[in-house]
PDB file of N, CA and C in Angstrom:
ATOM      1  N   MET A   1     -13.247  -8.131   0.804  1.00  0.00           N
ATOM      2  CA  MET A   1     -12.580  -6.785   1.174  1.00  0.00           C
ATOM      3  C   MET A   1     -10.818  -7.133   1.391  1.00  0.00           C
ATOM      4  N   ILE A   2     -10.420  -6.070   1.054  1.00  0.00           N
ATOM      5  CA  ILE A   2      -9.127  -5.990   0.501  1.00  0.00           C
ATOM      6  C   ILE A   2      -8.391  -5.608   2.528  1.00  0.00           C
ATOM      7  N   ARG A   3      -7.104  -6.401   2.850  1.00  0.00           N
ATOM      8  CA  ARG A   3      -6.664  -5.616   3.589  1.00  0.00           C
ATOM      9  C   ARG A   3      -5.014  -5.616   3.410  1.00  0.00           C
ATOM     10  N   LEU A   4      -4.342  -4.350   3.090  1.00  0.00           N
ATOM     11  CA  LEU A   4      -3.409  -3.507   3.285  1.00  0.00           C
ATOM     12  C   LEU A   4      -1.834  -3.405   4.400  1.00  0.00           C
ATOM     13  N   PHE A   5      -1.227  -3.916   5.046  1.00  0.00           N
ATOM     14  CA  PHE A   5      -0.602  -3.036   6.087  1.00  0.00           C
ATOM     15  C   PHE A   5       0.921  -2.804   5.074  1.00  0.00           C
ATOM     16  N   VAL A   6       1.264  -1.966   5.657  1.00  0.00           N
ATOM     17  CA  VAL A   6       2.092  -0.608   6.025  1.00  0.00           C
ATOM     18  C   VAL A   6       2.738  -0.294   6.898  1.00  0.00           C
ATOM     19  N   LEU A   7       4.446  -0.918   7.483  1.00  0.00           N
ATOM     20  CA  LEU A   7       5.348  -0.023   8.615  1.00  0.00           C
ATOM     21  C   LEU A   7       4.867   1.794   8.765  1.00  0.00           C
ATOM     22  N   ASP A   8       4.069   1.188   9.710  1.00  0.00           N
ATOM     23  CA  ASP A   8       4.136   2.996  10.424  1.00  0.00           C
ATOM     24  C   ASP A   8       5.810   3.601  10.396  1.00  0.00           C
ATOM     25  N   VAL A   9       6.776   3.617   9.286  1.00  0.00           N
ATOM     26  CA  VAL A   9       7.852   4.071   9.885  1.00  0.00           C
ATOM     27  C   VAL A   9       7.633   5.805   8.993  1.00  0.00           C
ATOM     28  N   PRO A  10       8.784   7.328   9.442  1.00  0.00           N
ATOM     29  CA  PRO A  10       8.896   7.696   7.825  1.00  0.00           C
ATOM     30  C   PRO A  10       9.040   7.228   6.481  1.00  0.00           C
ATOM     31  N   GLU A  11      10.525   6.645   6.942  1.00  0.00           N
ATOM     32  CA  GLU A  11      10.569   6.219   5.269  1.00  0.00           C
ATOM     33  C   GLU A  11       9.136   5.846   4.031  1.00  0.00           C
ATOM     34  N   PHE A  12       7.691   5.294   5.093  1.00  0.00           N
ATOM     35  CA  PHE A  12       7.046   4.338   4.108  1.00  0.00           C
ATOM     36  C   PHE A  12       6.005   5.664   3.681  1.00  0.00           C
ATOM     37  N   ARG A  13       5.879   6.713   4.940  1.00  0.00           N
ATOM     38  CA  ARG A  13       4.799   7.915   4.946  1.00  0.00           C
ATOM     39  C   ARG A  13       4.664   8.073   3.360  1.00  0.00           C
ATOM     40  N   PRO A  14       5.728   8.363   2.695  1.00  0.00           N
ATOM     41  CA  PRO A  14       4.717   8.668   0.966  1.00  0.00           C
ATOM     42  C   PRO A  14       3.989   7.262   0.844  1.00  0.00           C
ATOM     43  N   VAL A  15       4.173   6.197   0.500  1.00  0.00           N
ATOM     44  CA  VAL A  15       3.295   5.068  -0.061  1.00  0.00           C
ATOM     45  C   VAL A  15       2.092   4.571   0.810  1.00  0.00           C
ATOM     46  N   ILE A  16       2.352   5.275   2.644  1.00  0.00           N
ATOM     47  CA  ILE A  16       1.308   5.401   2.520  1.00  0.00           C
ATOM     48  C   ILE A  16       0.294   6.340   2.914  1.00  0.00           C
ATOM     49  N   GLU A  17       0.846   7.545   2.439  1.00  0.00           N
ATOM     50  CA  GLU A  17      -0.298   8.681   1.952  1.00  0.00           C
ATOM     51  C   GLU A  17      -0.999   8.829   0.632  1.00  0.00           C
ATOM     52  N   HIS A  18      -0.180   7.742   0.132  1.00  0.00           N
ATOM     53  CA  HIS A  18      -1.120   7.836  -1.821  1.00  0.00           C
ATOM     54  C   HIS A  18      -1.569   6.557  -1.801  1.00  0.00           C
ATOM     55  N   ALA A  19      -2.037   5.502  -0.829  1.00  0.00           N
ATOM     56  CA  ALA A  19      -1.952   4.430  -0.455  1.00  0.00           C
ATOM     57  C   ALA A  19      -3.676   4.993  -0.032  1.00  0.00           C
ATOM     58  N   GLY A  20      -3.569   6.065   1.007  1.00  0.00           N
ATOM     59  CA  GLY A  20      -4.371   6.144   1.403  1.00  0.00           C
ATOM     60  C   GLY A  20      -5.839   7.115   0.710  1.00  0.00           C
ATOM     61  N   ARG A  21      -5.694   7.517  -0.649  1.00  0.00           N
ATOM     62  CA  ARG A  21      -6.034   7.470  -1.459  1.00  0.00           C
ATOM     63  C   ARG A  21      -7.013   7.063  -2.721  1.00  0.00           C
ATOM     64  N   SER A  22      -6.745   5.947  -2.229  1.00  0.00           N
ATOM     65  CA  SER A  22      -6.767   4.740  -3.076  1.00  0.00           C
ATOM     66  C   SER A  22      -8.106   3.781  -2.244  1.00  0.00           C
ATOM     67  N   ALA A  23      -7.943   3.542  -0.959  1.00  0.00           N
ATOM     68  CA  ALA A  23      -8.390   2.581  -0.541  1.00  0.00           C
ATOM     69  C   ALA A  23      -9.622   2.877   0.385  1.00  0.00           C
ATOM     70  N   GLN A  24     -10.689   3.072   1.006  1.00  0.00           N
ATOM     71  CA  GLN A  24     -11.431   3.353   1.369  1.00  0.00           C
ATOM     72  C   GLN A  24     -11.691   3.552   2.348  1.00  0.00           C
ATOM     73  N   SER A  25     -10.635   3.282   3.454  1.00  0.00           N
ATOM     74  CA  SER A  25     -10.639   3.118   4.967  1.00  0.00           C
ATOM     75  C   SER A  25      -9.256   2.644   5.281  1.00  0.00           C
ATOM     76  N   ALA A  26      -7.995   3.756   6.661  1.00  0.00           N
ATOM     77  CA  ALA A  26      -7.230   3.518   6.704  1.00  0.00           C
ATOM     78  C   ALA A  26      -7.179   3.801   8.584  1.00  0.00           C
ATOM     79  N   ARG A  27      -6.068   2.786   9.317  1.00  0.00           N
ATOM     80  CA  ARG A  27      -6.435   3.048  10.174  1.00  0.00           C
ATOM     81  C   ARG A  27      -4.952   2.658  11.445  1.00  0.00           C
ATOM     82  N   LYS A  28      -5.054   3.107  12.533  1.00  0.00           N
ATOM     83  CA  LYS A  28      -3.526   2.206  11.934  1.00  0.00           C
ATOM     84  C   LYS A  28      -3.422   1.034  13.535  1.00  0.00           C
ATOM     85  N   VAL A  29      -2.838   0.363  13.595  1.00  0.00           N
ATOM     86  CA  VAL A  29      -2.786  -1.107  14.400  1.00  0.00           C
ATOM     87  C   VAL A  29      -1.360  -1.485  15.131  1.00  0.00           C
ATOM     88  N   GLY A  30      -1.224  -1.598  15.696  1.00  0.00           N
ATOM     89  CA  GLY A  30       0.026  -1.354  16.403  1.00  0.00           C
ATOM     90  C   GLY A  30       0.602  -0.747  16.002  1.00  0.00           C
ATOM     91  N   ASP A  31       1.631  -1.215  15.327  1.00  0.00           N
ATOM     92  CA  ASP A  31       3.160  -0.060  14.476  1.00  0.00           C
ATOM     93  C   ASP A  31       2.279   0.028  13.130  1.00  0.00           C
ATOM     94  N   TYR A  32       1.528  -0.368  12.568  1.00  0.00           N
ATOM     95  CA  TYR A  32       1.323  -0.771  10.906  1.00  0.00           C
ATOM     96  C   TYR A  32       0.012   0.290  10.793  1.00  0.00           C
ATOM     97  N   ILE A  33      -0.230   0.946   9.818  1.00  0.00           N
ATOM     98  CA  ILE A  33      -1.162   1.317   9.239  1.00  0.00           C
ATOM     99  C   ILE A  33      -2.211   0.431   8.254  1.00  0.00           C
ATOM    100  N   GLU A  34      -3.137  -0.321   8.075  1.00  0.00           N
ATOM    101  CA  GLU A  34      -3.900  -0.945   7.706  1.00  0.00           C
ATOM    102  C   GLU A  34      -5.078   0.364   6.575  1.00  0.00           C
ATOM    103  N   PHE A  35      -4.791  -0.648   5.043  1.00  0.00           N
ATOM    104  CA  PHE A  35      -5.478   0.272   4.256  1.00  0.00           C
ATOM    105  C   PHE A  35      -7.125  -1.086   4.326  1.00  0.00           C
ATOM    106  N   SER A  36      -8.092  -1.179   4.198  1.00  0.00           N
ATOM    107  CA  SER A  36      -9.201  -1.208   3.693  1.00  0.00           C
ATOM    108  C   SER A  36      -9.878  -1.241   2.516  1.00  0.00           C
ATOM    109  N   SER A  37     -10.017  -1.757   1.473  1.00  0.00           N
ATOM    110  CA  SER A  37     -11.159  -1.602   0.660  1.00  0.00           C
ATOM    111  C   SER A  37     -11.266  -2.556  -0.060  1.00  0.00           C
ATOM    112  N   THR A  38     -12.181  -2.530  -0.397  1.00  0.00           N
ATOM    113  CA  THR A  38     -13.609  -3.618  -1.474  1.00  0.00           C
ATOM    114  C   THR A  38     -13.194  -3.405  -3.231  1.00  0.00           C
ATOM    115  N   GLN A  39     -12.386  -2.037  -3.324  1.00  0.00           N
ATOM    116  CA  GLN A  39     -11.637  -1.485  -4.450  1.00  0.00           C
ATOM    117  C   GLN A  39     -10.280  -1.722  -4.939  1.00  0.00           C
ATOM    118  N   PRO A  40      -9.837  -1.569  -5.954  1.00  0.00           N
ATOM    119  CA  PRO A  40      -8.087  -2.382  -6.282  1.00  0.00           C
ATOM    120  C   PRO A  40      -8.002  -0.397  -5.213  1.00  0.00           C
ATOM    121  N   ILE A  41      -6.295  -0.691  -5.432  1.00  0.00           N
ATOM    122  CA  ILE A  41      -5.452   0.107  -3.829  1.00  0.00           C
ATOM    123  C   ILE A  41      -4.604   0.153  -4.983  1.00  0.00           C
ATOM    124  N   VAL A  42      -4.825   1.195  -5.500  1.00  0.00           N
ATOM    125  CA  VAL A  42      -3.028   1.577  -6.235  1.00  0.00           C
ATOM    126  C   VAL A  42      -2.557   2.291  -6.243  1.00  0.00           C
ATOM    127  N   VAL A  43      -1.161   2.250  -5.930  1.00  0.00           N
ATOM    128  CA  VAL A  43       0.007   3.422  -5.694  1.00  0.00           C
ATOM    129  C   VAL A  43       1.102   3.413  -6.749  1.00  0.00           C
ATOM    130  N   GLY A  44       0.755   4.429  -7.298  1.00  0.00           N
ATOM    131  CA  GLY A  44       2.465   5.000  -8.332  1.00  0.00           C
ATOM    132  C   GLY A  44       3.045   5.215  -7.792  1.00  0.00           C
ATOM    133  N   ARG A  45       4.548   4.405  -8.072  1.00  0.00           N
ATOM    134  CA  ARG A  45       5.343   5.398  -7.425  1.00  0.00           C
ATOM    135  C   ARG A  45       6.482   6.009  -7.522  1.00  0.00           C
ATOM    136  N   ARG A  46       5.878   6.436  -8.590  1.00  0.00           N
ATOM    137  CA  ARG A  46       6.953   7.809  -9.535  1.00  0.00           C
ATOM    138  C   ARG A  46       6.297   9.193  -8.367  1.00  0.00           C
ATOM    139  N   GLU A  47       5.058   9.170  -8.376  1.00  0.00           N
ATOM    140  CA  GLU A  47       3.517   9.696  -7.632  1.00  0.00           C
ATOM    141  C   GLU A  47       4.028   9.521  -6.084  1.00  0.00           C
ATOM    142  N   ALA A  48       4.544   8.477  -5.454  1.00  0.00           N
ATOM    143  CA  ALA A  48       4.774   8.798  -4.344  1.00  0.00           C
ATOM    144  C   ALA A  48       6.199   9.032  -4.427  1.00  0.00           C
ATOM    145  N   ARG A  49       7.071   9.339  -5.155  1.00  0.00           N
ATOM    146  CA  ARG A  49       8.012   9.806  -5.010  1.00  0.00           C
ATOM    147  C   ARG A  49       8.891   9.484  -3.596  1.00  0.00           C
ATOM    148  N   VAL A  50       9.511   7.582  -3.844  1.00  0.00           N
ATOM    149  CA  VAL A  50       9.916   6.613  -3.195  1.00  0.00           C
ATOM    150  C   VAL A  50      11.178   5.943  -3.905  1.00  0.00           C
ATOM    151  N   ARG A  51      12.190   5.718  -3.244  1.00  0.00           N
ATOM    152  CA  ARG A  51      13.354   5.083  -4.597  1.00  0.00           C
ATOM    153  C   ARG A  51      12.646   3.595  -4.218  1.00  0.00           C
ATOM    154  N   ARG A  52      13.227   3.025  -5.047  1.00  0.00           N
ATOM    155  CA  ARG A  52      12.883   1.413  -5.204  1.00  0.00           C
ATOM    156  C   ARG A  52      12.783  -0.254  -4.494  1.00  0.00           C
ATOM    157  N   ALA A  53      14.152   0.373  -3.584  1.00  0.00           N
ATOM    158  CA  ALA A  53      14.548  -0.327  -2.231  1.00  0.00           C
ATOM    159  C   ALA A  53      13.433   0.037  -1.763  1.00  0.00           C
ATOM    160  N   VAL A  54      13.014   1.543  -1.495  1.00  0.00           N
ATOM    161  CA  VAL A  54      12.105   1.665   0.009  1.00  0.00           C
ATOM    162  C   VAL A  54      10.593   0.889  -0.236  1.00  0.00           C
ATOM    163  N   TRP A  55      10.411   1.527  -2.154  1.00  0.00           N
ATOM    164  CA  TRP A  55       9.364   0.575  -2.577  1.00  0.00           C
ATOM    165  C   TRP A  55       9.083  -0.490  -2.519  1.00  0.00           C
ATOM    166  N   PHE A  56      10.447  -1.184  -2.905  1.00  0.00           N
ATOM    167  CA  PHE A  56      10.202  -2.628  -2.678  1.00  0.00           C
ATOM    168  C   PHE A  56      10.302  -3.183  -1.570  1.00  0.00           C
ATOM    169  N   SER A  57      10.359  -2.813  -0.230  1.00  0.00           N
ATOM    170  CA  SER A  57      10.340  -2.505   0.261  1.00  0.00           C
ATOM    171  C   SER A  57       8.580  -2.823   1.968  1.00  0.00           C
ATOM    172  N   SER A  58       7.738  -1.872   0.669  1.00  0.00           N
ATOM    173  CA  SER A  58       6.264  -1.183   1.868  1.00  0.00           C
ATOM    174  C   SER A  58       6.017  -2.314   2.204  1.00  0.00           C
ATOM    175  N   VAL A  59       5.266  -3.148   1.522  1.00  0.00           N
ATOM    176  CA  VAL A  59       4.416  -3.805   1.420  1.00  0.00           C
ATOM    177  C   VAL A  59       4.886  -4.892   3.000  1.00  0.00           C
ATOM    178  N   ALA A  60       4.238  -4.713   4.213  1.00  0.00           N
ATOM    179  CA  ALA A  60       4.553  -5.759   4.680  1.00  0.00           C
ATOM    180  C   ALA A  60       3.529  -6.831   4.931  1.00  0.00           C
ATOM    181  N   ALA A  61       2.195  -6.804   4.861  1.00  0.00           N
ATOM    182  CA  ALA A  61       1.073  -7.732   4.904  1.00  0.00           C
ATOM    183  C   ALA A  61      -0.298  -7.938   4.056  1.00  0.00           C
ATOM    184  N   LEU A  62      -1.269  -8.427   3.455  1.00  0.00           N
ATOM    185  CA  LEU A  62      -1.800  -8.684   2.222  1.00  0.00           C
ATOM    186  C   LEU A  62      -3.247 -10.089   3.223  1.00  0.00           C
ATOM    187  N   ASP A  63      -4.231  -9.126   3.229  1.00  0.00           N
ATOM    188  CA  ASP A  63      -4.871 -10.323   2.792  1.00  0.00           C
ATOM    189  C   ASP A  63      -6.220  -9.770   2.323  1.00  0.00           C
ATOM    190  N   GLY A  64      -7.486 -10.986   1.523  1.00  0.00           N
ATOM    191  CA  GLY A  64      -8.265 -10.622   1.225  1.00  0.00           C
ATOM    192  C   GLY A  64      -7.690 -10.172  -0.148  1.00  0.00           C
ATOM    193  N   GLY A  65      -7.403 -10.524  -0.397  1.00  0.00           N
ATOM    194  CA  GLY A  65      -6.439  -9.086  -1.719  1.00  0.00           C
ATOM    195  C   GLY A  65      -5.339  -9.571  -2.550  1.00  0.00           C
ATOM    196  N   ARG A  66      -5.294  -9.162  -3.985  1.00  0.00           N
ATOM    197  CA  ARG A  66      -4.037 -10.516  -4.845  1.00  0.00           C
ATOM    198  C   ARG A  66      -3.048  -9.217  -5.194  1.00  0.00           C
ATOM    199  N   MET A  67      -2.449  -9.287  -5.276  1.00  0.00           N
ATOM    200  CA  MET A  67      -0.824  -8.694  -5.667  1.00  0.00           C
ATOM    201  C   MET A  67      -1.571  -8.682  -7.763  1.00  0.00           C
ATOM    202  N   ALA A  68      -1.821  -7.502  -8.384  1.00  0.00           N
ATOM    203  CA  ALA A  68      -2.365  -7.867  -9.799  1.00  0.00           C
ATOM    204  C   ALA A  68      -1.197  -7.278 -10.187  1.00  0.00           C
ATOM    205  N   GLN A  69      -0.523  -6.345  -9.539  1.00  0.00           N
ATOM    206  CA  GLN A  69       0.768  -5.409 -10.214  1.00  0.00           C
ATOM    207  C   GLN A  69       2.179  -5.740  -8.909  1.00  0.00           C
ATOM    208  N   PHE A  70       3.588  -5.280  -9.048  1.00  0.00           N
ATOM    209  CA  PHE A  70       3.761  -4.794  -8.137  1.00  0.00           C
ATOM    210  C   PHE A  70       5.252  -4.770  -8.959  1.00  0.00           C
ATOM    211  N   ASP A  71       5.808  -3.691  -9.386  1.00  0.00           N
ATOM    212  CA  ASP A  71       6.881  -3.637 -10.193  1.00  0.00           C
ATOM    213  C   ASP A  71       7.497  -1.930  -9.963  1.00  0.00           C
ATOM    214  N   ALA A  72       8.551  -1.271 -10.507  1.00  0.00           N
ATOM    215  CA  ALA A  72       9.271  -0.344  -9.929  1.00  0.00           C
ATOM    216  C   ALA A  72       8.559   0.715 -10.390  1.00  0.00           C
ATOM    217  N   ASP A  73       6.776   0.694 -11.480  1.00  0.00           N
ATOM    218  CA  ASP A  73       6.372   1.615 -11.221  1.00  0.00           C
ATOM    219  C   ASP A  73       4.953   1.334 -10.662  1.00  0.00           C
ATOM    220  N   GLU A  74       3.961   0.953  -9.769  1.00  0.00           N
ATOM    221  CA  GLU A  74       3.015   0.451  -9.281  1.00  0.00           C
ATOM    222  C   GLU A  74       2.295  -0.654  -8.926  1.00  0.00           C
ATOM    223  N   LEU A  75       1.725  -0.056  -7.663  1.00  0.00           N
ATOM    224  CA  LEU A  75       1.490  -1.667  -7.238  1.00  0.00           C
ATOM    225  C   LEU A  75      -0.292  -1.680  -6.571  1.00  0.00           C
ATOM    226  N   ARG A  76      -0.198  -2.180  -7.199  1.00  0.00           N
ATOM    227  CA  ARG A  76      -1.919  -2.845  -7.464  1.00  0.00           C
ATOM    228  C   ARG A  76      -1.944  -3.881  -6.777  1.00  0.00           C
ATOM    229  N   ILE A  77      -3.328  -3.762  -6.124  1.00  0.00           N
ATOM    230  CA  ILE A  77      -3.796  -5.015  -5.519  1.00  0.00           C
ATOM    231  C   ILE A  77      -5.240  -5.124  -5.491  1.00  0.00           C
ATOM    232  N   GLU A  78      -5.931  -5.983  -6.637  1.00  0.00           N
ATOM    233  CA  GLU A  78      -6.893  -6.444  -6.311  1.00  0.00           C
ATOM    234  C   GLU A  78      -7.937  -7.322  -5.390  1.00  0.00           C
ATOM    235  N   PRO A  79      -9.328  -6.786  -5.217  1.00  0.00           N
ATOM    236  CA  PRO A  79      -9.717  -8.330  -4.825  1.00  0.00           C
ATOM    237  C   PRO A  79      -9.154  -9.975  -5.382  1.00  0.00           C
ATOM    238  N   ALA A  80      -9.508 -10.537  -4.033  1.00  0.00           N
ATOM    239  CA  ALA A  80      -9.211 -11.802  -4.346  1.00  0.00           C
ATOM    240  C   ALA A  80     -10.259 -12.783  -5.583  1.00  0.00           C
TER     241      ALA A  80
END
């Protein structure tokens, strides 16, 4: 099970909304949104419409998965 954490602040709201589309579940854990999935979680930076500085600082923590891609175009988390 992949668990991806993103800080719940307005700057990261577009990333949160797009991550929620490919994750199987999302819940608030303290100041973070935790996305859980047994399938890859994929977020496109351009689709989320965030600048690179926000994009590259959006991932707070990851458990049970690996970053298969995290570049200027896409964040792709796959099961470990």
